[in-house]
N, C-alpha and C. Protein backbone atom coordinates (compact mmCIF):
# COMPACT_ATOMS: atom_id res chain seq x y z
N MET A 1 18.27 53.86 -71.34
CA MET A 1 18.13 53.81 -69.91
C MET A 1 19.35 53.10 -69.34
N SER A 2 19.89 53.65 -68.28
CA SER A 2 21.11 53.08 -67.70
C SER A 2 20.78 51.83 -66.87
N PRO A 3 21.78 51.00 -66.62
CA PRO A 3 21.55 49.79 -65.81
C PRO A 3 21.05 50.10 -64.40
N LEU A 4 21.48 51.22 -63.82
CA LEU A 4 21.00 51.60 -62.50
C LEU A 4 19.50 51.91 -62.53
N ASN A 5 19.07 52.60 -63.58
CA ASN A 5 17.65 52.91 -63.71
C ASN A 5 16.82 51.64 -63.88
N ILE A 6 17.33 50.71 -64.65
CA ILE A 6 16.61 49.44 -64.85
C ILE A 6 16.53 48.67 -63.54
N LEU A 7 17.63 48.64 -62.79
CA LEU A 7 17.65 47.95 -61.50
C LEU A 7 16.66 48.59 -60.52
N LEU A 8 16.60 49.91 -60.51
CA LEU A 8 15.66 50.60 -59.62
C LEU A 8 14.21 50.32 -59.99
N VAL A 9 13.91 50.32 -61.28
CA VAL A 9 12.54 50.06 -61.71
C VAL A 9 12.13 48.62 -61.38
N VAL A 10 13.04 47.68 -61.57
CA VAL A 10 12.73 46.28 -61.26
C VAL A 10 12.53 46.11 -59.75
N ALA A 11 13.40 46.70 -58.93
CA ALA A 11 13.26 46.62 -57.48
C ALA A 11 11.96 47.28 -57.03
N TRP A 12 11.60 48.39 -57.64
CA TRP A 12 10.36 49.09 -57.31
C TRP A 12 9.14 48.23 -57.66
N ALA A 13 9.16 47.60 -58.84
CA ALA A 13 8.02 46.78 -59.26
C ALA A 13 7.87 45.54 -58.38
N VAL A 14 8.98 44.88 -58.07
CA VAL A 14 8.93 43.69 -57.22
C VAL A 14 8.45 44.05 -55.81
N SER A 15 8.96 45.14 -55.27
CA SER A 15 8.54 45.53 -53.92
C SER A 15 7.08 45.97 -53.88
N SER A 16 6.59 46.59 -54.94
CA SER A 16 5.19 47.00 -54.93
C SER A 16 4.25 45.80 -55.00
N VAL A 17 4.57 44.81 -55.83
CA VAL A 17 3.74 43.60 -55.90
C VAL A 17 3.82 42.83 -54.59
N ALA A 18 5.02 42.74 -54.02
CA ALA A 18 5.17 42.03 -52.75
C ALA A 18 4.40 42.73 -51.64
N LEU A 19 4.39 44.06 -51.63
CA LEU A 19 3.63 44.78 -50.62
C LEU A 19 2.14 44.51 -50.74
N ILE A 20 1.63 44.49 -51.95
CA ILE A 20 0.21 44.21 -52.15
C ILE A 20 -0.14 42.83 -51.62
N VAL A 21 0.68 41.84 -51.97
CA VAL A 21 0.42 40.46 -51.54
C VAL A 21 0.53 40.34 -50.01
N LEU A 22 1.56 40.93 -49.43
CA LEU A 22 1.76 40.83 -47.99
C LEU A 22 0.66 41.53 -47.21
N ILE A 23 0.21 42.68 -47.68
CA ILE A 23 -0.86 43.39 -46.98
C ILE A 23 -2.16 42.60 -47.06
N LEU A 24 -2.42 41.99 -48.19
CA LEU A 24 -3.63 41.19 -48.32
C LEU A 24 -3.59 39.93 -47.46
N MET A 25 -2.39 39.44 -47.14
CA MET A 25 -2.27 38.23 -46.33
C MET A 25 -2.45 38.48 -44.83
N HIS A 26 -2.38 39.75 -44.41
CA HIS A 26 -2.57 40.06 -42.99
C HIS A 26 -3.98 39.68 -42.57
N SER A 27 -4.07 39.17 -41.35
CA SER A 27 -5.39 38.80 -40.85
C SER A 27 -6.14 40.06 -40.46
N GLY A 28 -7.39 40.10 -40.85
CA GLY A 28 -8.23 41.25 -40.54
C GLY A 28 -9.16 40.96 -39.40
N LYS A 29 -10.05 41.90 -39.13
CA LYS A 29 -11.01 41.71 -38.05
C LYS A 29 -12.16 40.82 -38.49
N GLY A 30 -12.43 40.79 -39.78
CA GLY A 30 -13.53 39.97 -40.27
C GLY A 30 -13.04 39.02 -41.33
N THR A 31 -13.95 38.50 -42.09
CA THR A 31 -13.55 37.62 -43.18
C THR A 31 -13.14 38.48 -44.36
N GLY A 32 -12.13 38.05 -45.04
CA GLY A 32 -11.63 38.81 -46.17
C GLY A 32 -10.73 37.96 -47.02
N VAL A 33 -9.92 38.64 -47.79
CA VAL A 33 -9.00 37.95 -48.70
C VAL A 33 -8.00 37.12 -47.91
N SER A 34 -7.55 37.63 -46.76
CA SER A 34 -6.56 36.89 -45.97
C SER A 34 -7.11 35.55 -45.51
N ASP A 35 -8.39 35.50 -45.16
CA ASP A 35 -8.99 34.24 -44.74
C ASP A 35 -9.14 33.27 -45.90
N MET A 36 -9.41 33.79 -47.08
CA MET A 36 -9.54 32.91 -48.24
C MET A 36 -8.19 32.34 -48.66
N ILE A 37 -7.14 33.17 -48.63
CA ILE A 37 -5.82 32.75 -49.11
C ILE A 37 -5.14 31.83 -48.11
N ALA A 38 -5.12 32.23 -46.86
CA ALA A 38 -4.29 31.53 -45.88
C ALA A 38 -5.10 31.00 -44.71
N SER A 39 -6.28 30.50 -44.95
CA SER A 39 -7.11 30.04 -43.84
C SER A 39 -6.48 28.84 -43.13
N SER A 40 -5.82 27.98 -43.85
CA SER A 40 -5.21 26.82 -43.20
C SER A 40 -4.02 27.23 -42.34
N MET A 41 -3.33 28.31 -42.70
CA MET A 41 -2.19 28.75 -41.91
C MET A 41 -2.62 29.36 -40.59
N TYR A 42 -3.76 30.01 -40.57
CA TYR A 42 -4.23 30.66 -39.36
C TYR A 42 -4.92 29.68 -38.41
N ASN A 43 -5.30 28.51 -38.89
CA ASN A 43 -5.98 27.55 -38.05
C ASN A 43 -5.03 26.90 -37.04
N ALA A 44 -3.77 26.84 -37.35
CA ALA A 44 -2.80 26.26 -36.42
C ALA A 44 -2.51 27.30 -35.34
N ALA A 45 -3.01 27.05 -34.14
CA ALA A 45 -2.90 28.05 -33.07
C ALA A 45 -1.46 28.23 -32.61
N ALA A 46 -0.65 27.20 -32.71
CA ALA A 46 0.71 27.28 -32.21
C ALA A 46 1.59 28.19 -33.06
N GLY A 47 1.41 28.18 -34.36
CA GLY A 47 2.30 28.94 -35.23
C GLY A 47 1.75 30.25 -35.72
N SER A 48 0.55 30.62 -35.35
CA SER A 48 -0.05 31.82 -35.91
C SER A 48 0.64 33.09 -35.42
N ALA A 49 1.09 33.12 -34.16
CA ALA A 49 1.77 34.31 -33.64
C ALA A 49 3.10 34.51 -34.35
N THR A 50 3.82 33.44 -34.57
CA THR A 50 5.10 33.53 -35.28
C THR A 50 4.88 33.93 -36.73
N TRP A 51 3.84 33.38 -37.34
CA TRP A 51 3.53 33.70 -38.74
C TRP A 51 3.19 35.19 -38.87
N GLU A 52 2.39 35.73 -37.95
CA GLU A 52 2.02 37.15 -38.00
C GLU A 52 3.23 38.04 -37.77
N LYS A 53 4.11 37.65 -36.86
CA LYS A 53 5.31 38.44 -36.58
C LYS A 53 6.22 38.49 -37.81
N ASN A 54 6.43 37.35 -38.45
CA ASN A 54 7.26 37.32 -39.65
C ASN A 54 6.60 38.08 -40.81
N LEU A 55 5.28 37.99 -40.90
CA LEU A 55 4.56 38.73 -41.94
C LEU A 55 4.68 40.23 -41.72
N ASP A 56 4.62 40.66 -40.47
CA ASP A 56 4.82 42.08 -40.15
C ASP A 56 6.22 42.54 -40.53
N ARG A 57 7.21 41.72 -40.22
CA ARG A 57 8.60 42.07 -40.55
C ARG A 57 8.80 42.17 -42.06
N LEU A 58 8.28 41.20 -42.80
CA LEU A 58 8.41 41.24 -44.25
C LEU A 58 7.71 42.45 -44.85
N THR A 59 6.56 42.80 -44.31
CA THR A 59 5.84 43.96 -44.81
C THR A 59 6.64 45.24 -44.57
N ILE A 60 7.24 45.36 -43.41
CA ILE A 60 8.05 46.54 -43.11
C ILE A 60 9.28 46.60 -44.01
N ILE A 61 9.93 45.45 -44.22
CA ILE A 61 11.12 45.42 -45.07
C ILE A 61 10.78 45.83 -46.50
N PHE A 62 9.71 45.24 -47.06
CA PHE A 62 9.34 45.59 -48.43
C PHE A 62 8.82 47.02 -48.53
N GLY A 63 8.21 47.53 -47.47
CA GLY A 63 7.80 48.92 -47.46
C GLY A 63 8.99 49.86 -47.49
N LEU A 64 10.04 49.51 -46.75
CA LEU A 64 11.26 50.32 -46.77
C LEU A 64 11.95 50.24 -48.13
N VAL A 65 12.00 49.05 -48.72
CA VAL A 65 12.59 48.91 -50.06
C VAL A 65 11.82 49.76 -51.06
N PHE A 66 10.50 49.73 -50.98
CA PHE A 66 9.66 50.53 -51.87
C PHE A 66 9.97 52.02 -51.70
N ALA A 67 10.04 52.49 -50.45
CA ALA A 67 10.30 53.90 -50.20
C ALA A 67 11.70 54.32 -50.67
N VAL A 68 12.68 53.47 -50.42
CA VAL A 68 14.06 53.80 -50.82
C VAL A 68 14.18 53.84 -52.35
N THR A 69 13.54 52.90 -53.04
CA THR A 69 13.62 52.91 -54.50
C THR A 69 12.92 54.13 -55.08
N ILE A 70 11.80 54.54 -54.50
CA ILE A 70 11.13 55.76 -54.96
C ILE A 70 12.03 56.97 -54.78
N PHE A 71 12.66 57.06 -53.61
CA PHE A 71 13.56 58.18 -53.34
C PHE A 71 14.77 58.16 -54.28
N ALA A 72 15.33 56.97 -54.51
CA ALA A 72 16.49 56.86 -55.40
C ALA A 72 16.11 57.21 -56.84
N MET A 73 14.92 56.78 -57.27
CA MET A 73 14.49 57.12 -58.64
C MET A 73 14.27 58.62 -58.77
N MET A 74 13.82 59.26 -57.70
CA MET A 74 13.63 60.71 -57.73
C MET A 74 14.97 61.42 -57.95
N LEU A 75 16.04 60.87 -57.41
CA LEU A 75 17.35 61.50 -57.55
C LEU A 75 18.07 61.11 -58.85
N VAL A 76 17.84 59.88 -59.34
CA VAL A 76 18.62 59.37 -60.46
C VAL A 76 18.01 59.71 -61.82
N PHE A 77 16.68 59.60 -61.94
CA PHE A 77 16.05 59.85 -63.22
C PHE A 77 16.12 61.34 -63.57
N PRO A 78 16.32 61.65 -64.84
CA PRO A 78 16.31 63.05 -65.24
C PRO A 78 14.93 63.66 -65.01
N GLN A 79 14.91 64.93 -64.67
CA GLN A 79 13.66 65.58 -64.36
C GLN A 79 12.79 65.71 -65.62
N GLY A 80 11.55 65.28 -65.48
CA GLY A 80 10.60 65.42 -66.58
C GLY A 80 10.62 64.27 -67.57
N SER A 81 11.36 63.21 -67.32
CA SER A 81 11.37 62.08 -68.25
C SER A 81 11.40 60.78 -67.47
N PHE A 82 10.87 59.75 -68.10
CA PHE A 82 10.88 58.42 -67.49
C PHE A 82 11.76 57.49 -68.27
N ALA A 83 12.03 57.76 -69.52
CA ALA A 83 12.82 56.85 -70.35
C ALA A 83 14.21 57.36 -70.58
């Protein structure tokens, strides 16, 4: 496997785990995982809007990284093989 393929797989794996974590941290309409993980962060009324805005930005960035790595792997990897 070439170094480019290894770099793409690592970037894809990191972005996918980060996306899962970031999506779970978003505040929902009811009680959920986000309330269990970050309940103390949401209790501060002054910083919650900034926290949500930054969380939205990070989610979008990691979503774009995930999409770009998938597209790049589609072009770089030989057809019909992963290794």
